[in-house]
């Protein structure tokens, strides 16, 4: 792994941790928590794919 990939992986892990902790702090029912967690995963995956595609094109 080169330095850029490591930084990107750390950023993603930190962002995911922030989202996960905010969901846990709300003390919602598990079904609502799961729906929101999946929505956040989809959002981060979409942003990651857009950035990755932009890097490959540029």
C-alpha atoms as a PDB file:
ATOM      1  CA  UNK A   1       0.000   0.000   0.000  1.00  0.00           C
ATOM      2  CA  UNK A   2       1.307   3.388  -0.848  1.00  0.00           C
ATOM      3  CA  UNK A   3       0.881   6.473   1.347  1.00  0.00           C
ATOM      4  CA  UNK A   4      -2.144   7.872  -0.498  1.00  0.00           C
ATOM      5  CA  UNK A   5      -4.095   4.641  -0.185  1.00  0.00           C
ATOM      6  CA  UNK A   6      -3.306   4.436   3.515  1.00  0.00           C
ATOM      7  CA  UNK A   7      -4.516   7.996   4.096  1.00  0.00           C
ATOM      8  CA  UNK A   8      -7.718   7.337   2.143  1.00  0.00           C
ATOM      9  CA  UNK A   9      -8.359   4.148   4.114  1.00  0.00           C
ATOM     10  CA  UNK A  10      -7.812   5.963   7.419  1.00  0.00           C
ATOM     11  CA  UNK A  11     -10.143   8.780   6.334  1.00  0.00           C
ATOM     12  CA  UNK A  12     -12.856   6.305   5.375  1.00  0.00           C
ATOM     13  CA  UNK A  13     -12.484   4.402   8.655  1.00  0.00           C
ATOM     14  CA  UNK A  14     -12.679   7.656  10.652  1.00  0.00           C
ATOM     15  CA  UNK A  15     -15.734   8.889   8.769  1.00  0.00           C
ATOM     16  CA  UNK A  16     -17.451   5.530   9.201  1.00  0.00           C
ATOM     17  CA  UNK A  17     -16.662   5.558  12.916  1.00  0.00           C
ATOM     18  CA  UNK A  18     -18.233   9.004  13.306  1.00  0.00           C
ATOM     19  CA  UNK A  19     -21.408   7.896  11.542  1.00  0.00           C
ATOM     20  CA  UNK A  20     -21.602   4.667  13.525  1.00  0.00           C
ATOM     21  CA  UNK A  21     -21.127   6.454  16.844  1.00  0.00           C
ATOM     22  CA  UNK A  22     -23.845   8.989  15.993  1.00  0.00           C
ATOM     23  CA  UNK A  23     -26.279   6.170  15.216  1.00  0.00           C
ATOM     24  CA  UNK A  24     -25.456   4.385  18.463  1.00  0.00           C
ATOM     25  CA  UNK A  25     -25.876   7.580  20.506  1.00  0.00           C
ATOM     26  CA  UNK A  26     -29.476   8.035  19.320  1.00  0.00           C
ATOM     27  CA  UNK A  27     -30.610   4.727  20.928  1.00  0.00           C
ATOM     28  CA  UNK A  28     -33.036   3.873  18.146  1.00  0.00           C
ATOM     29  CA  UNK A  29     -34.754   0.527  17.568  1.00  0.00           C
ATOM     30  CA  UNK A  30     -32.500  -1.948  15.756  1.00  0.00           C
ATOM     31  CA  UNK A  31     -34.554  -1.906  12.535  1.00  0.00           C
ATOM     32  CA  UNK A  32     -34.249   1.886  12.229  1.00  0.00           C
ATOM     33  CA  UNK A  33     -30.564   1.720  13.113  1.00  0.00           C
ATOM     34  CA  UNK A  34     -29.949  -0.885  10.441  1.00  0.00           C
ATOM     35  CA  UNK A  35     -31.776   1.127   7.759  1.00  0.00           C
ATOM     36  CA  UNK A  36     -29.783   4.249   8.560  1.00  0.00           C
ATOM     37  CA  UNK A  37     -26.503   2.340   8.706  1.00  0.00           C
ATOM     38  CA  UNK A  38     -27.164   0.845   5.270  1.00  0.00           C
ATOM     39  CA  UNK A  39     -28.062   4.266   3.909  1.00  0.00           C
ATOM     40  CA  UNK A  40     -24.788   5.729   5.232  1.00  0.00           C
ATOM     41  CA  UNK A  41     -22.800   2.838   3.790  1.00  0.00           C
ATOM     42  CA  UNK A  42     -24.448   3.453   0.419  1.00  0.00           C
ATOM     43  CA  UNK A  43     -23.657   7.184   0.601  1.00  0.00           C
ATOM     44  CA  UNK A  44     -19.997   6.604   1.443  1.00  0.00           C
ATOM     45  CA  UNK A  45     -19.692   3.904  -1.226  1.00  0.00           C
ATOM     46  CA  UNK A  46     -21.163   6.245  -3.830  1.00  0.00           C
ATOM     47  CA  UNK A  47     -18.815   9.079  -2.867  1.00  0.00           C
ATOM     48  CA  UNK A  48     -15.883   6.670  -2.925  1.00  0.00           C
ATOM     49  CA  UNK A  49     -16.826   5.414  -6.401  1.00  0.00           C
ATOM     50  CA  UNK A  50     -17.244   8.952  -7.744  1.00  0.00           C
ATOM     51  CA  UNK A  51     -13.852  10.021  -6.407  1.00  0.00           C
ATOM     52  CA  UNK A  52     -12.177   6.828  -7.624  1.00  0.00           C
ATOM     53  CA  UNK A  53     -13.691   7.186 -11.109  1.00  0.00           C
ATOM     54  CA  UNK A  54     -12.644  10.839 -11.257  1.00  0.00           C
ATOM     55  CA  UNK A  55      -9.077   9.864 -10.319  1.00  0.00           C
ATOM     56  CA  UNK A  56      -8.929   7.187 -13.010  1.00  0.00           C
ATOM     57  CA  UNK A  57     -10.253   9.561 -15.704  1.00  0.00           C
ATOM     58  CA  UNK A  58      -8.001  12.490 -14.782  1.00  0.00           C
END
